[in-house]
Amino acid sequence: MAYRVTKSAGEALRSIGALSTVGLAFVLAIVIGAWFGSVLDGWLGTKPVFFIVFFFLGLAAGMLNVFRTVARTAPRGPAPGKTRPGEAGPSDREFRGPDE
């Protein structure tokens, strides 16, 4: 008996696969940046300078990678609380607190 994967199930599996690699890619970006900085520090004799710089560059690259992956796999529907075109949205009273 063979199971058929529907289109939505296939998209869900693809999204799960992409999101499962995010953690590893985030850590690898930081480790590679720190390693490269330590190698430069060893060559140039500037002990913590390039390690710190490339650590933070790796951190930024990892965060950018996470953001891009999540943005690519996130559903494209309206944000929670948003209405469909033609529907009435929340009133101004809902946005104000009880003090206003």
N, C-alpha and C. Protein backbone atom coordinates (compact mmCIF):
# COMPACT_ATOMS: atom_id res chain seq x y z
N MET A 1 0.84 -1.16 0.00
CA MET A 1 0.00 0.00 0.00
C MET A 1 0.90 1.24 0.00
N ALA A 2 0.72 2.09 -0.95
CA ALA A 2 1.52 3.30 -1.07
C ALA A 2 0.73 4.51 -0.59
N TYR A 3 1.41 5.37 0.11
CA TYR A 3 0.78 6.61 0.58
C TYR A 3 1.14 7.74 -0.36
N ARG A 4 0.17 8.56 -0.66
CA ARG A 4 0.41 9.72 -1.52
C ARG A 4 0.53 10.95 -0.64
N VAL A 5 1.54 11.72 -0.91
CA VAL A 5 1.73 12.96 -0.17
C VAL A 5 1.01 14.06 -0.94
N THR A 6 0.08 14.71 -0.27
CA THR A 6 -0.64 15.80 -0.92
C THR A 6 0.26 17.02 -1.03
N LYS A 7 -0.21 17.99 -1.79
CA LYS A 7 0.58 19.19 -2.01
C LYS A 7 0.84 19.94 -0.71
N SER A 8 -0.20 20.08 0.13
CA SER A 8 -0.02 20.81 1.39
C SER A 8 0.88 20.03 2.35
N ALA A 9 0.79 18.72 2.35
CA ALA A 9 1.66 17.92 3.20
C ALA A 9 3.11 18.00 2.72
N GLY A 10 3.30 18.02 1.42
CA GLY A 10 4.64 18.16 0.87
C GLY A 10 5.25 19.51 1.22
N GLU A 11 4.44 20.57 1.16
CA GLU A 11 4.93 21.89 1.54
C GLU A 11 5.27 21.95 3.02
N ALA A 12 4.47 21.29 3.84
CA ALA A 12 4.74 21.26 5.28
C ALA A 12 6.04 20.52 5.57
N LEU A 13 6.25 19.40 4.91
CA LEU A 13 7.49 18.66 5.10
C LEU A 13 8.71 19.46 4.64
N ARG A 14 8.56 20.18 3.55
CA ARG A 14 9.64 21.02 3.04
C ARG A 14 9.96 22.13 4.04
N SER A 15 8.94 22.72 4.62
CA SER A 15 9.13 23.77 5.62
C SER A 15 9.81 23.23 6.86
N ILE A 16 9.38 22.05 7.31
CA ILE A 16 10.00 21.44 8.48
C ILE A 16 11.47 21.15 8.22
N GLY A 17 11.76 20.67 7.03
CA GLY A 17 13.16 20.39 6.67
C GLY A 17 14.00 21.65 6.67
N ALA A 18 13.46 22.74 6.12
CA ALA A 18 14.21 23.99 6.08
C ALA A 18 14.41 24.55 7.49
N LEU A 19 13.38 24.49 8.32
CA LEU A 19 13.49 25.03 9.67
C LEU A 19 14.36 24.17 10.58
N SER A 20 14.48 22.89 10.29
CA SER A 20 15.31 22.03 11.12
C SER A 20 16.80 22.32 10.95
N THR A 21 17.18 22.93 9.86
CA THR A 21 18.58 23.25 9.64
C THR A 21 18.97 24.62 10.20
N VAL A 22 18.00 25.39 10.66
CA VAL A 22 18.27 26.75 11.11
C VAL A 22 19.23 26.77 12.30
N GLY A 23 19.00 25.93 13.28
CA GLY A 23 19.85 25.92 14.46
C GLY A 23 21.29 25.59 14.14
N LEU A 24 21.49 24.59 13.32
CA LEU A 24 22.84 24.20 12.93
C LEU A 24 23.53 25.31 12.14
N ALA A 25 22.80 25.92 11.22
CA ALA A 25 23.39 27.00 10.42
C ALA A 25 23.73 28.20 11.28
N PHE A 26 22.90 28.49 12.29
CA PHE A 26 23.15 29.61 13.19
C PHE A 26 24.45 29.38 13.97
N VAL A 27 24.59 28.19 14.54
CA VAL A 27 25.78 27.87 15.33
C VAL A 27 27.01 27.84 14.44
N LEU A 28 26.90 27.27 13.26
CA LEU A 28 28.05 27.20 12.36
C LEU A 28 28.52 28.59 11.92
N ALA A 29 27.61 29.51 11.69
CA ALA A 29 28.01 30.87 11.31
C ALA A 29 28.83 31.51 12.42
N ILE A 30 28.42 31.32 13.65
CA ILE A 30 29.16 31.89 14.78
C ILE A 30 30.52 31.22 14.94
N VAL A 31 30.55 29.90 14.85
CA VAL A 31 31.81 29.16 15.03
C VAL A 31 32.80 29.50 13.92
N ILE A 32 32.34 29.57 12.69
CA ILE A 32 33.24 29.89 11.58
C ILE A 32 33.76 31.32 11.72
N GLY A 33 32.90 32.26 12.11
CA GLY A 33 33.35 33.63 12.32
C GLY A 33 34.38 33.73 13.42
N ALA A 34 34.14 33.06 14.55
CA ALA A 34 35.09 33.09 15.67
C ALA A 34 36.40 32.41 15.28
N TRP A 35 36.33 31.30 14.57
CA TRP A 35 37.55 30.60 14.14
C TRP A 35 38.37 31.48 13.20
N PHE A 36 37.72 32.10 12.24
CA PHE A 36 38.43 32.96 11.29
C PHE A 36 39.08 34.14 12.02
N GLY A 37 38.37 34.71 12.99
CA GLY A 37 38.94 35.80 13.78
C GLY A 37 40.14 35.36 14.59
N SER A 38 40.09 34.17 15.16
CA SER A 38 41.23 33.68 15.94
C SER A 38 42.43 33.38 15.04
N VAL A 39 42.17 32.90 13.84
CA VAL A 39 43.27 32.67 12.89
C VAL A 39 43.93 33.99 12.51
N LEU A 40 43.10 35.01 12.24
CA LEU A 40 43.67 36.33 11.92
C LEU A 40 44.44 36.91 13.10
N ASP A 41 43.92 36.72 14.30
CA ASP A 41 44.63 37.19 15.49
C ASP A 41 45.97 36.49 15.64
N GLY A 42 46.02 35.21 15.32
CA GLY A 42 47.29 34.48 15.39
C GLY A 42 48.30 34.98 14.38
N TRP A 43 47.86 35.28 13.18
CA TRP A 43 48.77 35.78 12.14
C TRP A 43 49.26 37.19 12.43
N LEU A 44 48.35 38.03 12.89
CA LEU A 44 48.68 39.45 13.06
C LEU A 44 49.12 39.81 14.48
N GLY A 45 48.97 38.91 15.44
CA GLY A 45 49.38 39.17 16.81
C GLY A 45 48.46 40.11 17.57
N THR A 46 47.26 40.27 17.13
CA THR A 46 46.28 41.12 17.82
C THR A 46 45.29 40.18 18.50
N LYS A 47 45.61 39.81 19.74
CA LYS A 47 44.91 38.68 20.34
C LYS A 47 43.38 38.72 20.31
N PRO A 48 42.66 39.57 20.99
CA PRO A 48 41.21 39.36 20.98
C PRO A 48 40.46 40.20 19.94
N VAL A 49 41.13 41.06 19.20
CA VAL A 49 40.43 42.04 18.37
C VAL A 49 39.63 41.38 17.26
N PHE A 50 40.29 40.64 16.39
CA PHE A 50 39.59 40.04 15.25
C PHE A 50 38.66 38.90 15.68
N PHE A 51 39.00 38.22 16.78
CA PHE A 51 38.09 37.19 17.30
C PHE A 51 36.74 37.82 17.64
N ILE A 52 36.78 38.93 18.36
CA ILE A 52 35.54 39.59 18.77
C ILE A 52 34.78 40.13 17.56
N VAL A 53 35.50 40.76 16.64
CA VAL A 53 34.86 41.34 15.45
C VAL A 53 34.18 40.25 14.62
N PHE A 54 34.90 39.18 14.34
CA PHE A 54 34.33 38.13 13.49
C PHE A 54 33.30 37.27 14.23
N PHE A 55 33.41 37.21 15.56
CA PHE A 55 32.36 36.54 16.33
C PHE A 55 31.03 37.26 16.12
N PHE A 56 31.05 38.59 16.25
CA PHE A 56 29.81 39.35 16.07
C PHE A 56 29.36 39.37 14.61
N LEU A 57 30.28 39.33 13.68
CA LEU A 57 29.88 39.21 12.27
C LEU A 57 29.21 37.85 12.01
N GLY A 58 29.75 36.80 12.61
CA GLY A 58 29.12 35.48 12.50
C GLY A 58 27.76 35.45 13.17
N LEU A 59 27.63 36.14 14.30
CA LEU A 59 26.34 36.23 14.98
C LEU A 59 25.32 36.94 14.10
N ALA A 60 25.74 38.03 13.48
CA ALA A 60 24.83 38.77 12.58
C ALA A 60 24.46 37.93 11.36
N ALA A 61 25.42 37.22 10.81
CA ALA A 61 25.14 36.36 9.66
C ALA A 61 24.19 35.24 10.04
N GLY A 62 24.36 34.66 11.21
CA GLY A 62 23.46 33.61 11.68
C GLY A 62 22.05 34.12 11.88
N MET A 63 21.92 35.32 12.47
CA MET A 63 20.60 35.89 12.68
C MET A 63 19.93 36.22 11.35
N LEU A 64 20.69 36.73 10.40
CA LEU A 64 20.14 37.02 9.08
C LEU A 64 19.67 35.74 8.39
N ASN A 65 20.43 34.68 8.55
CA ASN A 65 20.05 33.39 7.96
C ASN A 65 18.76 32.87 8.59
N VAL A 66 18.64 32.99 9.91
CA VAL A 66 17.41 32.57 10.58
C VAL A 66 16.22 33.38 10.07
N PHE A 67 16.40 34.70 9.99
CA PHE A 67 15.32 35.57 9.52
C PHE A 67 14.89 35.20 8.11
N ARG A 68 15.84 35.01 7.22
CA ARG A 68 15.51 34.67 5.83
C ARG A 68 14.81 33.32 5.73
N THR A 69 15.27 32.34 6.49
CA THR A 69 14.66 31.02 6.42
C THR A 69 13.24 31.04 6.95
N VAL A 70 13.03 31.72 8.08
CA VAL A 70 11.69 31.79 8.65
C VAL A 70 10.77 32.59 7.74
N ALA A 71 11.26 33.67 7.15
CA ALA A 71 10.43 34.47 6.24
C ALA A 71 10.05 33.67 5.00
N ARG A 72 10.94 32.80 4.55
CA ARG A 72 10.67 32.00 3.37
C ARG A 72 9.65 30.90 3.65
N THR A 73 9.64 30.37 4.89
CA THR A 73 8.76 29.24 5.19
C THR A 73 7.49 29.65 5.92
N ALA A 74 7.36 30.91 6.31
CA ALA A 74 6.17 31.36 7.04
C ALA A 74 4.96 31.36 6.10
N PRO A 75 3.78 31.11 6.65
CA PRO A 75 2.58 31.16 5.81
C PRO A 75 2.34 32.57 5.28
N ARG A 76 1.75 32.66 4.12
CA ARG A 76 1.57 33.94 3.45
C ARG A 76 0.22 34.58 3.72
N GLY A 77 -0.55 34.06 4.66
CA GLY A 77 -1.88 34.58 4.95
C GLY A 77 -1.81 35.88 5.73
N PRO A 78 -2.98 36.43 6.06
CA PRO A 78 -2.99 37.67 6.84
C PRO A 78 -2.45 37.42 8.25
N ALA A 79 -1.85 38.45 8.82
CA ALA A 79 -1.31 38.35 10.17
C ALA A 79 -2.45 38.15 11.16
N PRO A 80 -2.16 37.54 12.30
CA PRO A 80 -3.21 37.36 13.30
C PRO A 80 -3.81 38.70 13.71
N GLY A 81 -5.12 38.75 13.77
CA GLY A 81 -5.81 39.98 14.12
C GLY A 81 -6.14 40.85 12.94
N LYS A 82 -5.61 40.55 11.79
CA LYS A 82 -5.90 41.32 10.59
C LYS A 82 -7.19 40.81 9.97
N THR A 83 -7.86 41.68 9.27
CA THR A 83 -9.12 41.29 8.64
C THR A 83 -8.91 41.10 7.15
N ARG A 84 -9.86 40.46 6.56
CA ARG A 84 -9.83 40.28 5.11
C ARG A 84 -10.32 41.56 4.44
N PRO A 85 -10.01 41.76 3.18
CA PRO A 85 -10.49 42.96 2.49
C PRO A 85 -12.01 43.02 2.51
N GLY A 86 -12.54 44.19 2.83
CA GLY A 86 -13.97 44.38 2.86
C GLY A 86 -14.58 44.20 4.24
N GLU A 87 -13.83 43.60 5.17
CA GLU A 87 -14.34 43.42 6.51
C GLU A 87 -13.96 44.62 7.37
N ALA A 88 -14.77 44.88 8.37
CA ALA A 88 -14.47 45.99 9.28
C ALA A 88 -13.32 45.60 10.19
N GLY A 89 -12.42 46.53 10.42
CA GLY A 89 -11.29 46.30 11.29
C GLY A 89 -11.60 46.70 12.71
N PRO A 90 -10.62 46.59 13.58
CA PRO A 90 -10.84 46.96 14.98
C PRO A 90 -11.06 48.46 15.11
N SER A 91 -11.85 48.84 16.09
CA SER A 91 -12.12 50.26 16.29
C SER A 91 -10.97 50.91 17.03
N ASP A 92 -11.00 52.24 17.09
CA ASP A 92 -9.95 52.97 17.81
C ASP A 92 -9.99 52.66 19.30
N ARG A 93 -11.14 52.34 19.82
CA ARG A 93 -11.25 52.02 21.25
C ARG A 93 -10.49 50.76 21.60
N GLU A 94 -10.42 49.83 20.67
CA GLU A 94 -9.69 48.59 20.94
C GLU A 94 -8.20 48.83 21.03
N PHE A 95 -7.68 49.87 20.39
CA PHE A 95 -6.27 50.16 20.42
C PHE A 95 -5.88 50.98 21.64
N ARG A 96 -6.82 51.71 22.20
CA ARG A 96 -6.54 52.54 23.37
C ARG A 96 -6.73 51.73 24.63
N GLY A 97 -5.97 52.08 25.63
CA GLY A 97 -6.11 51.42 26.92
C GLY A 97 -7.26 52.02 27.70
N PRO A 98 -7.58 51.48 28.86
CA PRO A 98 -8.69 51.98 29.65
C PRO A 98 -8.44 53.39 30.20
N ASP A 99 -7.18 53.83 30.26
CA ASP A 99 -6.86 55.14 30.80
C ASP A 99 -7.13 56.26 29.82
N GLU A 100 -7.17 55.95 28.57
CA GLU A 100 -7.27 57.01 27.54
C GLU A 100 -8.69 57.36 27.22
